[in-house]
PDB file of all heavy atoms in Angstrom:
ATOM      1  N   LEU A   1     291.695 240.462 155.517  1.00  0.00           N
ATOM      2  CA  LEU A   1     292.906 241.051 154.944  1.00  0.00           C
ATOM      3  C   LEU A   1     293.835 241.430 156.085  1.00  0.00           C
ATOM      4  O   LEU A   1     293.447 242.148 157.014  1.00  0.00           O
ATOM      5  CB  LEU A   1     292.561 242.295 154.125  1.00  0.00           C
ATOM      6  CG  LEU A   1     293.750 243.066 153.528  1.00  0.00           C
ATOM      7  CD1 LEU A   1     294.476 242.228 152.480  1.00  0.00           C
ATOM      8  CD2 LEU A   1     293.282 244.391 152.919  1.00  0.00           C
ATOM      9  N   VAL A   2     295.062 240.940 156.028  1.00  0.00           N
ATOM     10  CA  VAL A   2     296.084 241.279 157.019  1.00  0.00           C
ATOM     11  C   VAL A   2     296.918 242.429 156.469  1.00  0.00           C
ATOM     12  O   VAL A   2     297.411 242.365 155.340  1.00  0.00           O
ATOM     13  CB  VAL A   2     296.994 240.068 157.321  1.00  0.00           C
ATOM     14  CG1 VAL A   2     298.121 240.458 158.275  1.00  0.00           C
ATOM     15  CG2 VAL A   2     296.175 238.917 157.899  1.00  0.00           C
ATOM     16  N   LEU A   3     297.069 243.483 157.253  1.00  0.00           N
ATOM     17  CA  LEU A   3     297.921 244.600 156.869  1.00  0.00           C
ATOM     18  C   LEU A   3     299.261 244.459 157.579  1.00  0.00           C
ATOM     19  O   LEU A   3     299.311 244.422 158.809  1.00  0.00           O
ATOM     20  CB  LEU A   3     297.291 245.947 157.257  1.00  0.00           C
ATOM     21  CG  LEU A   3     295.929 246.310 156.670  1.00  0.00           C
ATOM     22  CD1 LEU A   3     295.588 247.749 157.036  1.00  0.00           C
ATOM     23  CD2 LEU A   3     295.911 246.132 155.164  1.00  0.00           C
ATOM     24  N   ASP A   4     300.323 244.370 156.812  1.00  0.00           N
ATOM     25  CA  ASP A   4     301.670 244.329 157.372  1.00  0.00           C
ATOM     26  C   ASP A   4     302.182 245.760 157.426  1.00  0.00           C
ATOM     27  O   ASP A   4     302.613 246.323 156.422  1.00  0.00           O
ATOM     28  CB  ASP A   4     302.573 243.451 156.500  1.00  0.00           C
ATOM     29  CG  ASP A   4     303.997 243.374 157.025  1.00  0.00           C
ATOM     30  OD1 ASP A   4     304.204 243.697 158.216  1.00  0.00           O
ATOM     31  OD2 ASP A   4     304.900 242.991 156.259  1.00  0.00           O
ATOM     32  N   LEU A   5     302.117 246.378 158.626  1.00  0.00           N
ATOM     33  CA  LEU A   5     302.529 247.768 158.780  1.00  0.00           C
ATOM     34  C   LEU A   5     304.045 247.863 158.934  1.00  0.00           C
ATOM     35  O   LEU A   5     304.681 246.946 159.454  1.00  0.00           O
ATOM     36  CB  LEU A   5     301.862 248.392 160.011  1.00  0.00           C
ATOM     37  CG  LEU A   5     300.333 248.444 160.053  1.00  0.00           C
ATOM     38  CD1 LEU A   5     299.879 249.205 161.289  1.00  0.00           C
ATOM     39  CD2 LEU A   5     299.775 249.096 158.799  1.00  0.00           C
ATOM     40  N   PRO A   6     304.636 248.986 158.515  1.00  0.00           N
ATOM     41  CA  PRO A   6     306.065 249.169 158.750  1.00  0.00           C
ATOM     42  C   PRO A   6     306.325 249.422 160.240  1.00  0.00           C
ATOM     43  O   PRO A   6     305.394 249.748 160.988  1.00  0.00           O
ATOM     44  CB  PRO A   6     306.403 250.410 157.915  1.00  0.00           C
ATOM     45  CG  PRO A   6     305.126 251.157 157.824  1.00  0.00           C
ATOM     46  CD  PRO A   6     304.046 250.125 157.793  1.00  0.00           C
ATOM     47  N   PRO A   7     307.571 249.284 160.679  1.00  0.00           N
ATOM     48  CA  PRO A   7     307.878 249.574 162.090  1.00  0.00           C
ATOM     49  C   PRO A   7     307.621 251.042 162.411  1.00  0.00           C
ATOM     50  O   PRO A   7     307.675 251.910 161.533  1.00  0.00           O
ATOM     51  CB  PRO A   7     309.375 249.246 162.207  1.00  0.00           C
ATOM     52  CG  PRO A   7     309.701 248.402 161.016  1.00  0.00           C
ATOM     53  CD  PRO A   7     308.760 248.833 159.934  1.00  0.00           C
ATOM     54  N   GLY A   8     307.347 251.311 163.662  1.00  0.00           N
ATOM     55  CA  GLY A   8     307.203 252.691 164.108  1.00  0.00           C
ATOM     56  C   GLY A   8     305.767 253.100 164.367  1.00  0.00           C
ATOM     57  O   GLY A   8     304.829 252.295 164.293  1.00  0.00           O
ATOM     58  N   THR A   9     305.605 254.385 164.678  1.00  0.00           N
ATOM     59  CA  THR A   9     304.282 254.950 164.964  1.00  0.00           C
ATOM     60  C   THR A   9     304.138 256.292 164.240  1.00  0.00           C
ATOM     61  O   THR A   9     303.683 257.267 164.820  1.00  0.00           O
ATOM     62  CB  THR A   9     304.096 255.160 166.486  1.00  0.00           C
ATOM     63  OG1 THR A   9     305.166 255.994 166.973  1.00  0.00           O
ATOM     64  CG2 THR A   9     304.117 253.836 167.236  1.00  0.00           C
ATOM     65  N   GLY A  10     304.518 256.311 162.967  1.00  0.00           N
ATOM     66  CA  GLY A  10     304.558 257.567 162.231  1.00  0.00           C
ATOM     67  C   GLY A  10     303.453 257.751 161.223  1.00  0.00           C
ATOM     68  O   GLY A  10     302.312 257.300 161.410  1.00  0.00           O
ATOM     69  N   ASP A  11     303.800 258.415 160.105  1.00  0.00           N
ATOM     70  CA  ASP A  11     302.815 258.818 159.104  1.00  0.00           C
ATOM     71  C   ASP A  11     302.019 257.644 158.546  1.00  0.00           C
ATOM     72  O   ASP A  11     300.797 257.721 158.394  1.00  0.00           O
ATOM     73  CB  ASP A  11     303.513 259.536 157.938  1.00  0.00           C
ATOM     74  CG  ASP A  11     303.927 260.955 158.304  1.00  0.00           C
ATOM     75  OD1 ASP A  11     303.490 261.428 159.362  1.00  0.00           O
ATOM     76  OD2 ASP A  11     304.682 261.562 157.533  1.00  0.00           O
ATOM     77  N   THR A  12     302.719 256.556 158.197  1.00  0.00           N
ATOM     78  CA  THR A  12     302.023 255.428 157.576  1.00  0.00           C
ATOM     79  C   THR A  12     300.992 254.831 158.518  1.00  0.00           C
ATOM     80  O   THR A  12     299.838 254.581 158.139  1.00  0.00           O
ATOM     81  CB  THR A  12     303.025 254.345 157.146  1.00  0.00           C
ATOM     82  OG1 THR A  12     303.924 254.891 156.181  1.00  0.00           O
ATOM     83  CG2 THR A  12     302.300 253.146 156.546  1.00  0.00           C
ATOM     84  N   GLN A  13     301.395 254.605 159.761  1.00  0.00           N
ATOM     85  CA  GLN A  13     300.469 254.026 160.736  1.00  0.00           C
ATOM     86  C   GLN A  13     299.262 254.934 160.962  1.00  0.00           C
ATOM     87  O   GLN A  13     298.115 254.461 161.005  1.00  0.00           O
ATOM     88  CB  GLN A  13     301.192 253.780 162.067  1.00  0.00           C
ATOM     89  CG  GLN A  13     302.220 252.679 162.029  1.00  0.00           C
ATOM     90  CD  GLN A  13     303.550 253.117 161.430  1.00  0.00           C
ATOM     91  OE1 GLN A  13     303.741 254.266 161.050  1.00  0.00           O
ATOM     92  NE2 GLN A  13     304.484 252.195 161.347  1.00  0.00           N
ATOM     93  N   LEU A  14     299.507 256.232 161.082  1.00  0.00           N
ATOM     94  CA  LEU A  14     298.399 257.164 161.284  1.00  0.00           C
ATOM     95  C   LEU A  14     297.482 257.216 160.074  1.00  0.00           C
ATOM     96  O   LEU A  14     296.258 257.240 160.211  1.00  0.00           O
ATOM     97  CB  LEU A  14     298.950 258.561 161.590  1.00  0.00           C
ATOM     98  CG  LEU A  14     299.527 258.752 162.997  1.00  0.00           C
ATOM     99  CD1 LEU A  14     300.143 260.134 163.133  1.00  0.00           C
ATOM    100  CD2 LEU A  14     298.460 258.541 164.058  1.00  0.00           C
ATOM    101  N   SER A  15     298.071 257.222 158.881  1.00  0.00           N
ATOM    102  CA  SER A  15     297.250 257.269 157.673  1.00  0.00           C
ATOM    103  C   SER A  15     296.358 256.041 157.545  1.00  0.00           C
ATOM    104  O   SER A  15     295.183 256.142 157.198  1.00  0.00           O
ATOM    105  CB  SER A  15     298.143 257.395 156.431  1.00  0.00           C
ATOM    106  OG  SER A  15     298.811 258.636 156.411  1.00  0.00           O
ATOM    107  N   VAL A  16     296.926 254.866 157.830  1.00  0.00           N
ATOM    108  CA  VAL A  16     296.143 253.633 157.757  1.00  0.00           C
ATOM    109  C   VAL A  16     295.002 253.665 158.761  1.00  0.00           C
ATOM    110  O   VAL A  16     293.844 253.369 158.437  1.00  0.00           O
ATOM    111  CB  VAL A  16     297.045 252.400 157.989  1.00  0.00           C
ATOM    112  CG1 VAL A  16     296.195 251.149 158.186  1.00  0.00           C
ATOM    113  CG2 VAL A  16     297.996 252.205 156.824  1.00  0.00           C
ATOM    114  N   THR A  17     295.308 254.033 160.003  1.00  0.00           N
ATOM    115  CA  THR A  17     294.278 253.998 161.048  1.00  0.00           C
ATOM    116  C   THR A  17     293.218 255.068 160.853  1.00  0.00           C
ATOM    117  O   THR A  17     292.075 254.907 161.301  1.00  0.00           O
ATOM    118  CB  THR A  17     294.913 254.160 162.439  1.00  0.00           C
ATOM    119  OG1 THR A  17     295.660 255.391 162.488  1.00  0.00           O
ATOM    120  CG2 THR A  17     295.845 253.003 162.748  1.00  0.00           C
ATOM    121  N   GLN A  18     293.562 256.156 160.171  1.00  0.00           N
ATOM    122  CA  GLN A  18     292.601 257.240 159.965  1.00  0.00           C
ATOM    123  C   GLN A  18     291.798 257.087 158.684  1.00  0.00           C
ATOM    124  O   GLN A  18     290.728 257.665 158.555  1.00  0.00           O
ATOM    125  CB  GLN A  18     293.329 258.583 159.956  1.00  0.00           C
ATOM    126  CG  GLN A  18     293.889 258.975 161.307  1.00  0.00           C
ATOM    127  CD  GLN A  18     294.753 260.228 161.250  1.00  0.00           C
ATOM    128  OE1 GLN A  18     295.017 260.764 160.173  1.00  0.00           O
ATOM    129  NE2 GLN A  18     295.192 260.692 162.402  1.00  0.00           N
ATOM    130  N   GLN A  19     292.308 256.307 157.722  1.00  0.00           N
ATOM    131  CA  GLN A  19     291.645 256.225 156.422  1.00  0.00           C
ATOM    132  C   GLN A  19     290.734 255.019 156.264  1.00  0.00           C
ATOM    133  O   GLN A  19     289.790 255.072 155.476  1.00  0.00           O
ATOM    134  CB  GLN A  19     292.691 256.199 155.303  1.00  0.00           C
ATOM    135  CG  GLN A  19     293.376 257.513 155.066  1.00  0.00           C
ATOM    136  CD  GLN A  19     294.294 257.457 153.860  1.00  0.00           C
ATOM    137  OE1 GLN A  19     294.079 256.670 152.932  1.00  0.00           O
ATOM    138  NE2 GLN A  19     295.327 258.275 153.851  1.00  0.00           N
ATOM    139  N   ILE A  20     291.035 253.920 156.941  1.00  0.00           N
ATOM    140  CA  ILE A  20     290.245 252.712 156.732  1.00  0.00           C
ATOM    141  C   ILE A  20     289.690 252.179 158.046  1.00  0.00           C
ATOM    142  O   ILE A  20     290.219 252.477 159.126  1.00  0.00           O
ATOM    143  CB  ILE A  20     291.060 251.605 156.023  1.00  0.00           C
ATOM    144  CG1 ILE A  20     292.214 251.141 156.904  1.00  0.00           C
ATOM    145  CG2 ILE A  20     291.553 252.067 154.667  1.00  0.00           C
ATOM    146  CD1 ILE A  20     292.931 249.926 156.355  1.00  0.00           C
ATOM    147  N   VAL A  21     288.645 251.393 157.938  1.00  0.00           N
ATOM    148  CA  VAL A  21     288.045 250.765 159.110  1.00  0.00           C
ATOM    149  C   VAL A  21     288.843 249.506 159.449  1.00  0.00           C
ATOM    150  O   VAL A  21     288.914 248.578 158.640  1.00  0.00           O
ATOM    151  CB  VAL A  21     286.569 250.401 158.844  1.00  0.00           C
ATOM    152  CG1 VAL A  21     285.982 249.675 160.047  1.00  0.00           C
ATOM    153  CG2 VAL A  21     285.768 251.653 158.519  1.00  0.00           C
ATOM    154  N   LEU A  22     289.458 249.502 160.608  1.00  0.00           N
ATOM    155  CA  LEU A  22     290.219 248.344 161.077  1.00  0.00           C
ATOM    156  C   LEU A  22     289.401 247.590 162.114  1.00  0.00           C
ATOM    157  O   LEU A  22     288.857 248.188 163.048  1.00  0.00           O
ATOM    158  CB  LEU A  22     291.547 248.785 161.696  1.00  0.00           C
ATOM    159  CG  LEU A  22     292.618 249.331 160.744  1.00  0.00           C
ATOM    160  CD1 LEU A  22     293.788 249.896 161.545  1.00  0.00           C
ATOM    161  CD2 LEU A  22     293.102 248.240 159.808  1.00  0.00           C
ATOM    162  N   ASP A  23     289.334 246.276 161.958  1.00  0.00           N
ATOM    163  CA  ASP A  23     288.614 245.459 162.931  1.00  0.00           C
ATOM    164  C   ASP A  23     289.474 245.130 164.143  1.00  0.00           C
ATOM    165  O   ASP A  23     288.956 244.631 165.145  1.00  0.00           O
ATOM    166  CB  ASP A  23     288.134 244.170 162.262  1.00  0.00           C
ATOM    167  CG  ASP A  23     287.110 244.455 161.174  1.00  0.00           C
ATOM    168  OD1 ASP A  23     285.935 244.667 161.524  1.00  0.00           O
ATOM    169  OD2 ASP A  23     287.491 244.502 159.995  1.00  0.00           O
ATOM    170  N   GLY A  24     290.758 245.406 164.049  1.00  0.00           N
ATOM    171  CA  GLY A  24     291.623 245.175 165.193  1.00  0.00           C
ATOM    172  C   GLY A  24     293.081 245.238 164.806  1.00  0.00           C
ATOM    173  O   GLY A  24     293.438 245.296 163.624  1.00  0.00           O
ATOM    174  N   SER A  25     293.933 245.252 165.820  1.00  0.00           N
ATOM    175  CA  SER A  25     295.378 245.311 165.610  1.00  0.00           C
ATOM    176  C   SER A  25     296.069 244.271 166.481  1.00  0.00           C
ATOM    177  O   SER A  25     295.595 243.932 167.565  1.00  0.00           O
ATOM    178  CB  SER A  25     295.907 246.707 165.940  1.00  0.00           C
ATOM    179  OG  SER A  25     295.612 247.043 167.294  1.00  0.00           O
ATOM    180  N   VAL A  26     297.193 243.779 165.979  1.00  0.00           N
ATOM    181  CA  VAL A  26     298.022 242.816 166.696  1.00  0.00           C
ATOM    182  C   VAL A  26     299.415 243.410 166.819  1.00  0.00           C
ATOM    183  O   VAL A  26     299.993 243.871 165.831  1.00  0.00           O
ATOM    184  CB  VAL A  26     298.095 241.465 165.948  1.00  0.00           C
ATOM    185  CG1 VAL A  26     299.095 240.523 166.614  1.00  0.00           C
ATOM    186  CG2 VAL A  26     296.711 240.818 165.879  1.00  0.00           C
ATOM    187  N   ILE A  27     299.959 243.433 168.022  1.00  0.00           N
ATOM    188  CA  ILE A  27     301.301 243.953 168.270  1.00  0.00           C
ATOM    189  C   ILE A  27     302.271 242.779 168.364  1.00  0.00           C
ATOM    190  O   ILE A  27     302.012 241.807 169.080  1.00  0.00           O
ATOM    191  CB  ILE A  27     301.362 244.764 169.577  1.00  0.00           C
ATOM    192  CG1 ILE A  27     300.332 245.894 169.574  1.00  0.00           C
ATOM    193  CG2 ILE A  27     302.775 245.304 169.808  1.00  0.00           C
ATOM    194  CD1 ILE A  27     300.641 247.012 168.615  1.00  0.00           C
ATOM    195  N   VAL A  28     303.391 242.881 167.646  1.00  0.00           N
ATOM    196  CA  VAL A  28     304.429 241.836 167.694  1.00  0.00           C
ATOM    197  C   VAL A  28     305.643 242.393 168.413  1.00  0.00           C
ATOM    198  O   VAL A  28     306.100 243.509 168.142  1.00  0.00           O
ATOM    199  CB  VAL A  28     304.826 241.389 166.268  1.00  0.00           C
ATOM    200  CG1 VAL A  28     305.921 240.319 166.337  1.00  0.00           C
ATOM    201  CG2 VAL A  28     303.621 240.860 165.515  1.00  0.00           C
TER     202      VAL A  28
END
């Protein structure tokens, strides 16, 4: 499953990284 995160480093990004197990991240 690919997660398309919104721009920035705010609430959404923190919530995603703190709530679910991520196998990795890709920076564009």
